[in-house]
PDB file of N, CA and C in Angstrom:
ATOM      1  N   MET A   1      19.170  12.243 -21.532  1.00  0.00           N
ATOM      2  CA  MET A   1      18.949  12.894 -20.290  1.00  0.00           C
ATOM      3  C   MET A   1      17.467  13.770 -20.243  1.00  0.00           C
ATOM      4  N   ALA A   2      17.040  13.747 -21.445  1.00  0.00           N
ATOM      5  CA  ALA A   2      15.735  14.430 -21.692  1.00  0.00           C
ATOM      6  C   ALA A   2      14.539  13.560 -21.447  1.00  0.00           C
ATOM      7  N   THR A   3      15.245  12.262 -21.358  1.00  0.00           N
ATOM      8  CA  THR A   3      13.889  11.229 -20.621  1.00  0.00           C
ATOM      9  C   THR A   3      13.726  11.351 -19.491  1.00  0.00           C
ATOM     10  N   ILE A   4      14.570  11.685 -18.573  1.00  0.00           N
ATOM     11  CA  ILE A   4      14.585  11.853 -17.073  1.00  0.00           C
ATOM     12  C   ILE A   4      13.365  13.312 -16.741  1.00  0.00           C
ATOM     13  N   LYS A   5      12.243  12.576 -15.760  1.00  0.00           N
ATOM     14  CA  LYS A   5      11.662  13.462 -15.411  1.00  0.00           C
ATOM     15  C   LYS A   5      11.221  13.375 -13.848  1.00  0.00           C
ATOM     16  N   ASN A   6      10.447  14.122 -13.430  1.00  0.00           N
ATOM     17  CA  ASN A   6       9.899  14.149 -12.359  1.00  0.00           C
ATOM     18  C   ASN A   6       9.062  12.863 -11.681  1.00  0.00           C
ATOM     19  N   SER A   7       9.749  11.926 -11.347  1.00  0.00           N
ATOM     20  CA  SER A   7       8.961  10.706 -10.859  1.00  0.00           C
ATOM     21  C   SER A   7       9.385  10.104  -9.473  1.00  0.00           C
ATOM     22  N   VAL A   8       8.528   9.533  -8.531  1.00  0.00           N
ATOM     23  CA  VAL A   8       9.051   9.163  -7.230  1.00  0.00           C
ATOM     24  C   VAL A   8       8.473   8.141  -7.093  1.00  0.00           C
ATOM     25  N   ARG A   9       8.151   6.718  -6.642  1.00  0.00           N
ATOM     26  CA  ARG A   9       7.709   5.745  -6.143  1.00  0.00           C
ATOM     27  C   ARG A   9       8.219   5.296  -4.925  1.00  0.00           C
ATOM     28  N   LEU A  10       7.334   5.183  -4.179  1.00  0.00           N
ATOM     29  CA  LEU A  10       7.103   4.723  -2.413  1.00  0.00           C
ATOM     30  C   LEU A  10       6.669   3.427  -2.024  1.00  0.00           C
ATOM     31  N   ILE A  11       7.373   2.677  -1.262  1.00  0.00           N
ATOM     32  CA  ILE A  11       6.540   1.573  -0.595  1.00  0.00           C
ATOM     33  C   ILE A  11       6.568   1.668   1.155  1.00  0.00           C
ATOM     34  N   GLY A  12       5.514   1.688   1.300  1.00  0.00           N
ATOM     35  CA  GLY A  12       5.442   2.230   3.030  1.00  0.00           C
ATOM     36  C   GLY A  12       3.737   1.856   3.346  1.00  0.00           C
ATOM     37  N   ASN A  13       3.624   2.638   4.740  1.00  0.00           N
ATOM     38  CA  ASN A  13       2.929   2.221   5.509  1.00  0.00           C
ATOM     39  C   ASN A  13       1.866   3.468   5.894  1.00  0.00           C
ATOM     40  N   ILE A  14       0.627   3.526   5.580  1.00  0.00           N
ATOM     41  CA  ILE A  14       0.077   4.523   5.965  1.00  0.00           C
ATOM     42  C   ILE A  14      -0.179   4.889   7.490  1.00  0.00           C
ATOM     43  N   GLY A  15       0.368   6.284   7.430  1.00  0.00           N
ATOM     44  CA  GLY A  15       0.387   6.514   9.046  1.00  0.00           C
ATOM     45  C   GLY A  15      -0.798   7.303   9.487  1.00  0.00           C
ATOM     46  N   MET A  16      -2.068   7.773   8.643  1.00  0.00           N
ATOM     47  CA  MET A  16      -2.923   7.856   9.046  1.00  0.00           C
ATOM     48  C   MET A  16      -4.102   7.815   8.219  1.00  0.00           C
ATOM     49  N   ASP A  17      -5.595   8.110   8.315  1.00  0.00           N
ATOM     50  CA  ASP A  17      -6.770   7.656   7.704  1.00  0.00           C
ATOM     51  C   ASP A  17      -6.754   8.348   6.604  1.00  0.00           C
ATOM     52  N   PRO A  18      -7.217   8.635   5.248  1.00  0.00           N
ATOM     53  CA  PRO A  18      -7.205   9.616   4.353  1.00  0.00           C
ATOM     54  C   PRO A  18      -8.114  10.804   4.706  1.00  0.00           C
ATOM     55  N   ASP A  19      -7.345  11.701   4.675  1.00  0.00           N
ATOM     56  CA  ASP A  19      -8.408  12.872   5.052  1.00  0.00           C
ATOM     57  C   ASP A  19      -9.017  13.785   3.572  1.00  0.00           C
ATOM     58  N   VAL A  20     -10.436  13.127   3.319  1.00  0.00           N
ATOM     59  CA  VAL A  20     -10.567  13.706   1.945  1.00  0.00           C
ATOM     60  C   VAL A  20     -11.535  14.997   1.935  1.00  0.00           C
ATOM     61  N   ARG A  21     -11.310  15.990   1.283  1.00  0.00           N
ATOM     62  CA  ARG A  21     -11.901  17.272   1.233  1.00  0.00           C
ATOM     63  C   ARG A  21     -12.752  17.121  -0.208  1.00  0.00           C
ATOM     64  N   THR A  22     -13.726  17.729  -0.630  1.00  0.00           N
ATOM     65  CA  THR A  22     -14.314  17.945  -1.520  1.00  0.00           C
ATOM     66  C   THR A  22     -14.924  19.334  -1.918  1.00  0.00           C
ATOM     67  N   PHE A  23     -14.491  19.579  -3.024  1.00  0.00           N
ATOM     68  CA  PHE A  23     -14.631  21.542  -3.787  1.00  0.00           C
ATOM     69  C   PHE A  23     -15.850  21.525  -4.120  1.00  0.00           C
ATOM     70  N   ASP A  24     -15.997  22.264  -4.775  1.00  0.00           N
ATOM     71  CA  ASP A  24     -17.340  23.316  -4.961  1.00  0.00           C
ATOM     72  C   ASP A  24     -17.901  22.520  -6.302  1.00  0.00           C
ATOM     73  N   ASN A  25     -16.686  22.413  -6.993  1.00  0.00           N
ATOM     74  CA  ASN A  25     -16.751  21.380  -8.558  1.00  0.00           C
ATOM     75  C   ASN A  25     -16.920  19.803  -8.550  1.00  0.00           C
ATOM     76  N   ASN A  26     -16.789  19.304  -7.260  1.00  0.00           N
ATOM     77  CA  ASN A  26     -17.302  17.677  -6.628  1.00  0.00           C
ATOM     78  C   ASN A  26     -15.921  17.360  -7.118  1.00  0.00           C
ATOM     79  N   ARG A  27     -14.871  18.098  -7.235  1.00  0.00           N
ATOM     80  CA  ARG A  27     -13.297  17.418  -7.514  1.00  0.00           C
ATOM     81  C   ARG A  27     -12.809  17.296  -5.826  1.00  0.00           C
ATOM     82  N   LYS A  28     -12.831  15.838  -5.873  1.00  0.00           N
ATOM     83  CA  LYS A  28     -12.084  15.307  -4.281  1.00  0.00           C
ATOM     84  C   LYS A  28     -10.510  15.469  -4.469  1.00  0.00           C
ATOM     85  N   MET A  29      -9.892  15.876  -3.037  1.00  0.00           N
ATOM     86  CA  MET A  29      -8.686  15.342  -2.809  1.00  0.00           C
ATOM     87  C   MET A  29      -8.185  14.938  -1.775  1.00  0.00           C
ATOM     88  N   ALA A  30      -7.834  13.925  -1.703  1.00  0.00           N
ATOM     89  CA  ALA A  30      -7.339  12.847  -0.093  1.00  0.00           C
ATOM     90  C   ALA A  30      -5.709  13.360   0.097  1.00  0.00           C
ATOM     91  N   ARG A  31      -5.319  13.301   1.691  1.00  0.00           N
ATOM     92  CA  ARG A  31      -4.110  13.399   1.905  1.00  0.00           C
ATOM     93  C   ARG A  31      -3.699  12.774   2.798  1.00  0.00           C
ATOM     94  N   LEU A  32      -2.732  12.045   2.859  1.00  0.00           N
ATOM     95  CA  LEU A  32      -2.423  11.119   3.675  1.00  0.00           C
ATOM     96  C   LEU A  32      -0.804  11.360   4.144  1.00  0.00           C
ATOM     97  N   SER A  33      -0.062  10.515   5.168  1.00  0.00           N
ATOM     98  CA  SER A  33       1.408  10.374   5.068  1.00  0.00           C
ATOM     99  C   SER A  33       1.392   8.862   5.267  1.00  0.00           C
ATOM    100  N   ILE A  34       2.746   8.548   4.502  1.00  0.00           N
ATOM    101  CA  ILE A  34       3.358   7.210   3.904  1.00  0.00           C
ATOM    102  C   ILE A  34       4.582   7.406   4.939  1.00  0.00           C
ATOM    103  N   ALA A  35       4.861   5.949   5.603  1.00  0.00           N
ATOM    104  CA  ALA A  35       6.129   5.941   6.429  1.00  0.00           C
ATOM    105  C   ALA A  35       6.860   4.685   5.691  1.00  0.00           C
ATOM    106  N   THR A  36       8.396   5.150   5.430  1.00  0.00           N
ATOM    107  CA  THR A  36       9.309   4.466   4.775  1.00  0.00           C
ATOM    108  C   THR A  36      10.393   4.233   5.766  1.00  0.00           C
ATOM    109  N   ASN A  37      10.864   2.775   5.495  1.00  0.00           N
ATOM    110  CA  ASN A  37      11.745   2.647   6.815  1.00  0.00           C
ATOM    111  C   ASN A  37      12.997   1.660   6.317  1.00  0.00           C
ATOM    112  N   GLU A  38      13.986   2.121   6.667  1.00  0.00           N
ATOM    113  CA  GLU A  38      15.180   1.380   5.925  1.00  0.00           C
ATOM    114  C   GLU A  38      16.370   1.527   7.194  1.00  0.00           C
ATOM    115  N   SER A  39      16.960   0.113   7.519  1.00  0.00           N
ATOM    116  CA  SER A  39      17.453  -0.497   8.771  1.00  0.00           C
ATOM    117  C   SER A  39      18.797  -0.651   8.203  1.00  0.00           C
ATOM    118  N   TYR A  40      19.513  -0.306   8.905  1.00  0.00           N
ATOM    119  CA  TYR A  40      21.234  -0.523   9.002  1.00  0.00           C
ATOM    120  C   TYR A  40      21.756  -0.771  10.096  1.00  0.00           C
ATOM    121  N   LYS A  41      22.683  -1.246  10.305  1.00  0.00           N
ATOM    122  CA  LYS A  41      23.699  -1.830  11.500  1.00  0.00           C
ATOM    123  C   LYS A  41      25.091  -0.304  12.051  1.00  0.00           C
ATOM    124  N   ASN A  42      24.656   0.136  13.373  1.00  0.00           N
ATOM    125  CA  ASN A  42      25.527   1.483  12.905  1.00  0.00           C
ATOM    126  C   ASN A  42      27.097   0.838  13.639  1.00  0.00           C
ATOM    127  N   ASP A  43      27.869   1.694  13.947  1.00  0.00           N
ATOM    128  CA  ASP A  43      29.350   1.184  14.761  1.00  0.00           C
ATOM    129  C   ASP A  43      29.048   0.377  15.383  1.00  0.00           C
ATOM    130  N   LYS A  44      28.183   0.101  16.495  1.00  0.00           N
ATOM    131  CA  LYS A  44      28.092  -0.675  17.512  1.00  0.00           C
ATOM    132  C   LYS A  44      27.718  -2.011  17.096  1.00  0.00           C
ATOM    133  N   GLY A  45      27.336  -2.405  15.869  1.00  0.00           N
ATOM    134  CA  GLY A  45      26.596  -3.077  15.028  1.00  0.00           C
ATOM    135  C   GLY A  45      25.234  -3.365  16.056  1.00  0.00           C
ATOM    136  N   GLU A  46      24.604  -2.273  16.024  1.00  0.00           N
ATOM    137  CA  GLU A  46      22.735  -2.773  16.337  1.00  0.00           C
ATOM    138  C   GLU A  46      22.331  -2.469  15.062  1.00  0.00           C
ATOM    139  N   LYS A  47      21.137  -2.912  15.199  1.00  0.00           N
ATOM    140  CA  LYS A  47      20.081  -2.599  14.246  1.00  0.00           C
ATOM    141  C   LYS A  47      19.627  -1.262  14.270  1.00  0.00           C
ATOM    142  N   VAL A  48      19.753  -0.600  13.333  1.00  0.00           N
ATOM    143  CA  VAL A  48      19.014   1.275  13.590  1.00  0.00           C
ATOM    144  C   VAL A  48      17.727   1.065  12.383  1.00  0.00           C
ATOM    145  N   THR A  49      16.593   1.413  12.691  1.00  0.00           N
ATOM    146  CA  THR A  49      15.836   1.788  11.738  1.00  0.00           C
ATOM    147  C   THR A  49      15.529   3.265  11.466  1.00  0.00           C
ATOM    148  N   ASP A  50      15.794   3.827  10.351  1.00  0.00           N
ATOM    149  CA  ASP A  50      15.931   5.313  10.231  1.00  0.00           C
ATOM    150  C   ASP A  50      13.977   5.274   9.326  1.00  0.00           C
ATOM    151  N   THR A  51      12.925   6.354   9.897  1.00  0.00           N
ATOM    152  CA  THR A  51      11.767   6.118   9.375  1.00  0.00           C
ATOM    153  C   THR A  51      11.601   7.773   8.716  1.00  0.00           C
ATOM    154  N   GLN A  52      11.261   7.957   7.579  1.00  0.00           N
ATOM    155  CA  GLN A  52      11.096   8.827   6.685  1.00  0.00           C
ATOM    156  C   GLN A  52       9.560   9.212   6.741  1.00  0.00           C
ATOM    157  N   TRP A  53       8.699  10.098   7.142  1.00  0.00           N
ATOM    158  CA  TRP A  53       7.531  10.243   6.538  1.00  0.00           C
ATOM    159  C   TRP A  53       7.395  11.207   5.338  1.00  0.00           C
ATOM    160  N   HIS A  54       6.359  10.625   4.463  1.00  0.00           N
ATOM    161  CA  HIS A  54       6.429  11.885   3.405  1.00  0.00           C
ATOM    162  C   HIS A  54       4.637  12.075   3.002  1.00  0.00           C
ATOM    163  N   ASN A  55       4.542  13.105   2.972  1.00  0.00           N
ATOM    164  CA  ASN A  55       2.905  13.907   2.634  1.00  0.00           C
ATOM    165  C   ASN A  55       2.721  13.230   1.088  1.00  0.00           C
ATOM    166  N   ILE A  56       1.541  12.695   1.172  1.00  0.00           N
ATOM    167  CA  ILE A  56       0.926  12.516  -0.206  1.00  0.00           C
ATOM    168  C   ILE A  56      -0.436  12.912  -0.373  1.00  0.00           C
ATOM    169  N   VAL A  57      -0.607  13.040  -1.803  1.00  0.00           N
ATOM    170  CA  VAL A  57      -1.873  13.957  -1.957  1.00  0.00           C
ATOM    171  C   VAL A  57      -2.603  13.316  -3.429  1.00  0.00           C
ATOM    172  N   LEU A  58      -3.836  13.017  -3.336  1.00  0.00           N
ATOM    173  CA  LEU A  58      -4.680  12.278  -4.145  1.00  0.00           C
ATOM    174  C   LEU A  58      -5.414  12.843  -4.905  1.00  0.00           C
ATOM    175  N   TRP A  59      -5.879  13.214  -5.986  1.00  0.00           N
ATOM    176  CA  TRP A  59      -7.098  14.258  -6.726  1.00  0.00           C
ATOM    177  C   TRP A  59      -7.745  13.194  -7.718  1.00  0.00           C
ATOM    178  N   GLY A  60      -9.171  13.772  -7.298  1.00  0.00           N
ATOM    179  CA  GLY A  60      -9.947  12.571  -8.538  1.00  0.00           C
ATOM    180  C   GLY A  60     -10.640  11.562  -8.338  1.00  0.00           C
ATOM    181  N   ALA A  61     -10.307  10.701  -8.818  1.00  0.00           N
ATOM    182  CA  ALA A  61     -10.779   9.418  -8.873  1.00  0.00           C
ATOM    183  C   ALA A  61     -10.052   8.351  -7.790  1.00  0.00           C
ATOM    184  N   GLN A  62      -8.610   9.151  -7.970  1.00  0.00           N
ATOM    185  CA  GLN A  62      -7.765   8.372  -6.831  1.00  0.00           C
ATOM    186  C   GLN A  62      -7.814   8.845  -5.456  1.00  0.00           C
ATOM    187  N   ALA A  63      -8.485  10.177  -5.670  1.00  0.00           N
ATOM    188  CA  ALA A  63      -8.844   9.910  -4.202  1.00  0.00           C
ATOM    189  C   ALA A  63     -10.210   9.954  -3.372  1.00  0.00           C
ATOM    190  N   THR A  64     -10.765   9.261  -4.725  1.00  0.00           N
ATOM    191  CA  THR A  64     -12.283   8.872  -4.264  1.00  0.00           C
ATOM    192  C   THR A  64     -11.619   7.204  -3.595  1.00  0.00           C
ATOM    193  N   MET A  65     -10.709   6.742  -4.595  1.00  0.00           N
ATOM    194  CA  MET A  65     -10.370   5.197  -4.472  1.00  0.00           C
ATOM    195  C   MET A  65      -9.585   4.849  -2.815  1.00  0.00           C
ATOM    196  N   ALA A  66      -8.746   6.327  -2.507  1.00  0.00           N
ATOM    197  CA  ALA A  66      -8.103   5.963  -1.634  1.00  0.00           C
ATOM    198  C   ALA A  66      -8.842   6.127  -0.178  1.00  0.00           C
ATOM    199  N   GLU A  67     -10.138   7.188  -0.203  1.00  0.00           N
ATOM    200  CA  GLU A  67     -11.401   7.138   0.937  1.00  0.00           C
ATOM    201  C   GLU A  67     -11.725   5.879   1.213  1.00  0.00           C
ATOM    202  N   SER A  68     -12.196   4.734  -0.032  1.00  0.00           N
ATOM    203  CA  SER A  68     -12.875   3.592   0.178  1.00  0.00           C
ATOM    204  C   SER A  68     -11.972   3.025   0.547  1.00  0.00           C
ATOM    205  N   TYR A  69     -10.837   2.449   0.481  1.00  0.00           N
ATOM    206  CA  TYR A  69     -10.139   1.367   0.062  1.00  0.00           C
ATOM    207  C   TYR A  69      -8.892   1.408   1.306  1.00  0.00           C
ATOM    208  N   LEU A  70      -8.287   3.160   1.441  1.00  0.00           N
ATOM    209  CA  LEU A  70      -7.274   3.043   2.413  1.00  0.00           C
ATOM    210  C   LEU A  70      -7.470   3.187   4.191  1.00  0.00           C
ATOM    211  N   LYS A  71      -6.412   2.965   4.727  1.00  0.00           N
ATOM    212  CA  LYS A  71      -6.908   2.944   6.028  1.00  0.00           C
ATOM    213  C   LYS A  71      -5.358   3.086   6.742  1.00  0.00           C
ATOM    214  N   LYS A  72      -5.022   3.603   7.899  1.00  0.00           N
ATOM    215  CA  LYS A  72      -3.970   3.839   9.102  1.00  0.00           C
ATOM    216  C   LYS A  72      -3.380   2.573   9.010  1.00  0.00           C
ATOM    217  N   GLY A  73      -2.280   2.018   8.433  1.00  0.00           N
ATOM    218  CA  GLY A  73      -1.730   0.944   8.923  1.00  0.00           C
ATOM    219  C   GLY A  73      -1.220   0.077   7.791  1.00  0.00           C
ATOM    220  N   ASP A  74      -2.255   0.346   6.589  1.00  0.00           N
ATOM    221  CA  ASP A  74      -2.333  -0.266   5.239  1.00  0.00           C
ATOM    222  C   ASP A  74      -1.031   0.277   4.701  1.00  0.00           C
ATOM    223  N   ALA A  75      -0.172  -1.339   4.387  1.00  0.00           N
ATOM    224  CA  ALA A  75       1.089  -0.984   3.252  1.00  0.00           C
ATOM    225  C   ALA A  75       0.235  -0.864   1.949  1.00  0.00           C
ATOM    226  N   VAL A  76       1.406   0.493   1.178  1.00  0.00           N
ATOM    227  CA  VAL A  76       0.776   0.867  -0.002  1.00  0.00           C
ATOM    228  C   VAL A  76       1.881   0.779  -0.696  1.00  0.00           C
ATOM    229  N   ILE A  77       1.836   0.981  -2.410  1.00  0.00           N
ATOM    230  CA  ILE A  77       3.097   1.565  -3.024  1.00  0.00           C
ATOM    231  C   ILE A  77       2.054   2.534  -3.810  1.00  0.00           C
ATOM    232  N   VAL A  78       2.962   3.925  -3.744  1.00  0.00           N
ATOM    233  CA  VAL A  78       2.513   4.974  -4.639  1.00  0.00           C
ATOM    234  C   VAL A  78       3.761   5.377  -5.795  1.00  0.00           C
ATOM    235  N   GLU A  79       2.994   6.067  -6.529  1.00  0.00           N
ATOM    236  CA  GLU A  79       3.798   6.438  -7.778  1.00  0.00           C
ATOM    237  C   GLU A  79       3.126   7.654  -8.143  1.00  0.00           C
ATOM    238  N   GLY A  80       4.051   8.660  -8.544  1.00  0.00           N
ATOM    239  CA  GLY A  80       3.478   9.878  -8.895  1.00  0.00           C
ATOM    240  C   GLY A  80       4.859  10.873  -8.944  1.00  0.00           C
ATOM    241  N   LYS A  81       4.550  12.440  -8.580  1.00  0.00           N
ATOM    242  CA  LYS A  81       5.970  13.350  -8.950  1.00  0.00           C
ATOM    243  C   LYS A  81       5.884  13.958  -7.640  1.00  0.00           C
ATOM    244  N   LEU A  82       6.796  14.975  -7.219  1.00  0.00           N
ATOM    245  CA  LEU A  82       7.138  15.725  -6.591  1.00  0.00           C
ATOM    246  C   LEU A  82       6.712  17.193  -6.883  1.00  0.00           C
ATOM    247  N   ALA A  83       6.046  17.413  -5.783  1.00  0.00           N
ATOM    248  CA  ALA A  83       5.443  19.356  -5.959  1.00  0.00           C
ATOM    249  C   ALA A  83       6.012  19.822  -4.681  1.00  0.00           C
ATOM    250  N   SER A  84       6.198  21.054  -5.094  1.00  0.00           N
ATOM    251  CA  SER A  84       6.773  21.972  -3.536  1.00  0.00           C
ATOM    252  C   SER A  84       5.832  22.940  -3.587  1.00  0.00           C
ATOM    253  N   ARG A  85       5.579  23.460  -2.816  1.00  0.00           N
ATOM    254  CA  ARG A  85       4.797  24.539  -2.718  1.00  0.00           C
ATOM    255  C   ARG A  85       4.867  25.291  -0.978  1.00  0.00           C
ATOM    256  N   VAL A  86       4.552  26.935  -1.061  1.00  0.00           N
ATOM    257  CA  VAL A  86       4.583  27.726   0.266  1.00  0.00           C
ATOM    258  C   VAL A  86       3.183  28.177   0.401  1.00  0.00           C
ATOM    259  N   TYR A  87       3.107  28.395   1.775  1.00  0.00           N
ATOM    260  CA  TYR A  87       1.827  28.879   2.118  1.00  0.00           C
ATOM    261  C   TYR A  87       1.936  29.498   3.321  1.00  0.00           C
ATOM    262  N   ALA A  88       0.749  30.456   3.916  1.00  0.00           N
ATOM    263  CA  ALA A  88       1.433  31.276   5.278  1.00  0.00           C
ATOM    264  C   ALA A  88       0.529  30.614   6.355  1.00  0.00           C
ATOM    265  N   ASP A  89       0.690  29.799   7.088  1.00  0.00           N
ATOM    266  CA  ASP A  89       0.081  29.481   8.194  1.00  0.00           C
ATOM    267  C   ASP A  89      -0.841  30.098   8.981  1.00  0.00           C
ATOM    268  N   LYS A  90      -1.742  30.108  10.483  1.00  0.00           N
ATOM    269  CA  LYS A  90      -2.786  30.738  10.698  1.00  0.00           C
ATOM    270  C   LYS A  90      -2.137  32.051  11.315  1.00  0.00           C
ATOM    271  N   ASP A  91      -0.508  31.788  11.514  1.00  0.00           N
ATOM    272  CA  ASP A  91      -0.340  32.794  12.308  1.00  0.00           C
ATOM    273  C   ASP A  91       0.575  33.881  11.005  1.00  0.00           C
ATOM    274  N   GLY A  92       0.287  33.385  10.094  1.00  0.00           N
ATOM    275  CA  GLY A  92       1.261  34.393   9.040  1.00  0.00           C
ATOM    276  C   GLY A  92       2.362  33.924   8.491  1.00  0.00           C
ATOM    277  N   VAL A  93       2.873  32.747   9.408  1.00  0.00           N
ATOM    278  CA  VAL A  93       4.555  32.511   9.058  1.00  0.00           C
ATOM    279  C   VAL A  93       4.251  31.610   7.612  1.00  0.00           C
ATOM    280  N   LYS A  94       5.332  31.955   6.880  1.00  0.00           N
ATOM    281  CA  LYS A  94       5.665  31.262   5.742  1.00  0.00           C
ATOM    282  C   LYS A  94       5.843  29.773   5.795  1.00  0.00           C
ATOM    283  N   ARG A  95       5.259  28.952   5.228  1.00  0.00           N
ATOM    284  CA  ARG A  95       5.697  27.446   5.506  1.00  0.00           C
ATOM    285  C   ARG A  95       5.791  26.800   3.950  1.00  0.00           C
ATOM    286  N   TYR A  96       6.811  26.086   4.171  1.00  0.00           N
ATOM    287  CA  TYR A  96       7.454  25.276   2.634  1.00  0.00           C
ATOM    288  C   TYR A  96       7.063  23.826   2.933  1.00  0.00           C
ATOM    289  N   VAL A  97       6.659  22.990   2.087  1.00  0.00           N
ATOM    290  CA  VAL A  97       5.737  21.942   1.742  1.00  0.00           C
ATOM    291  C   VAL A  97       6.025  21.139   0.320  1.00  0.00           C
ATOM    292  N   THR A  98       6.939  19.651   0.782  1.00  0.00           N
ATOM    293  CA  THR A  98       7.205  18.962  -0.394  1.00  0.00           C
ATOM    294  C   THR A  98       6.170  17.941  -0.626  1.00  0.00           C
ATOM    295  N   GLU A  99       5.397  17.470  -1.446  1.00  0.00           N
ATOM    296  CA  GLU A  99       4.039  16.153  -1.409  1.00  0.00           C
ATOM    297  C   GLU A  99       4.627  15.374  -2.581  1.00  0.00           C
ATOM    298  N   VAL A 100       4.154  14.086  -2.495  1.00  0.00           N
ATOM    299  CA  VAL A 100       3.936  13.216  -3.823  1.00  0.00           C
ATOM    300  C   VAL A 100       2.490  13.079  -4.203  1.00  0.00           C
ATOM    301  N   VAL A 101       2.814  13.930  -5.457  1.00  0.00           N
ATOM    302  CA  VAL A 101       1.010  14.136  -5.917  1.00  0.00           C
ATOM    303  C   VAL A 101       1.369  12.936  -6.706  1.00  0.00           C
ATOM    304  N   VAL A 102       0.007  11.725  -6.456  1.00  0.00           N
ATOM    305  CA  VAL A 102      -0.106  10.257  -6.816  1.00  0.00           C
ATOM    306  C   VAL A 102      -0.774  10.608  -8.062  1.00  0.00           C
ATOM    307  N   ASN A 103      -0.089   9.360  -8.686  1.00  0.00           N
ATOM    308  CA  ASN A 103      -0.935   9.093 -10.313  1.00  0.00           C
ATOM    309  C   ASN A 103      -1.382   7.775 -10.368  1.00  0.00           C
ATOM    310  N   GLU A 104      -0.898   7.215  -9.404  1.00  0.00           N
ATOM    311  CA  GLU A 104      -1.296   5.446  -9.225  1.00  0.00           C
ATOM    312  C   GLU A 104      -0.961   5.120  -7.637  1.00  0.00           C
ATOM    313  N   PHE A 105      -1.604   4.292  -7.008  1.00  0.00           N
ATOM    314  CA  PHE A 105      -1.479   3.639  -6.015  1.00  0.00           C
ATOM    315  C   PHE A 105      -1.943   1.650  -5.678  1.00  0.00           C
ATOM    316  N   VAL A 106      -1.328   1.222  -5.313  1.00  0.00           N
ATOM    317  CA  VAL A 106      -1.428  -0.255  -5.350  1.00  0.00           C
ATOM    318  C   VAL A 106      -1.678  -0.415  -3.426  1.00  0.00           C
ATOM    319  N   LYS A 107      -2.535  -1.106  -3.027  1.00  0.00           N
ATOM    320  CA  LYS A 107      -2.458  -1.167  -1.563  1.00  0.00           C
ATOM    321  C   LYS A 107      -2.079  -2.960  -1.709  1.00  0.00           C
ATOM    322  N   MET A 108      -1.354  -2.904  -0.774  1.00  0.00           N
ATOM    323  CA  MET A 108      -0.560  -4.314  -0.485  1.00  0.00           C
ATOM    324  C   MET A 108      -1.263  -5.109   1.144  1.00  0.00           C
ATOM    325  N   GLY A 109      -1.798  -4.582   1.573  1.00  0.00           N
ATOM    326  CA  GLY A 109      -2.305  -5.202   2.635  1.00  0.00           C
ATOM    327  C   GLY A 109      -2.239  -4.076   4.025  1.00  0.00           C
ATOM    328  N   SER A 110      -2.316  -4.560   5.016  1.00  0.00           N
ATOM    329  CA  SER A 110      -1.964  -3.646   6.489  1.00  0.00           C
ATOM    330  C   SER A 110      -1.712  -4.508   7.343  1.00  0.00           C
ATOM    331  N   LYS A 111      -1.218  -3.957   8.752  1.00  0.00           N
ATOM    332  CA  LYS A 111      -0.074  -4.191   9.384  1.00  0.00           C
ATOM    333  C   LYS A 111      -1.111  -5.673  10.356  1.00  0.00           C
ATOM    334  N   GLU A 112      -2.355  -5.748  10.411  1.00  0.00           N
ATOM    335  CA  GLU A 112      -2.955  -6.492  11.271  1.00  0.00           C
ATOM    336  C   GLU A 112      -2.800  -8.077  10.762  1.00  0.00           C
TER     337      GLU A 112
END
C-alpha cells in the first residue's frame, strides 16, 4: 500500500479555452475544464449519458503549452494529482474547490 499515491488520469473534452495568468516571477498558470462522459442504459433501456466536469490547473511549461495548443472542444488526456483548497469569494462566502493539478497532458484532437 505504500506505493499508492495521489494520481488521476482523465480523458475528455475541453469545455473552455485555457484561462492563462502570468505572475510577477513570470510563472504561468492555466485553468480549464474537462468534461468526461459515461454512458449507460436506464431501467427503460434508454441510453443515458452522464457528464462530469473537472477543474484543471497547469503550471509553468505545461501552462505555456496549453495556452499555445489547447482550445475548447479538443480531446485530451491529462495526468496529475488531486488538490483541494478553500477560498473566500467576493461576498466573503467560504468556497471549497477540488482540482486536478496536471503533470502531463496529450492533445488527442478536436470535435471538429
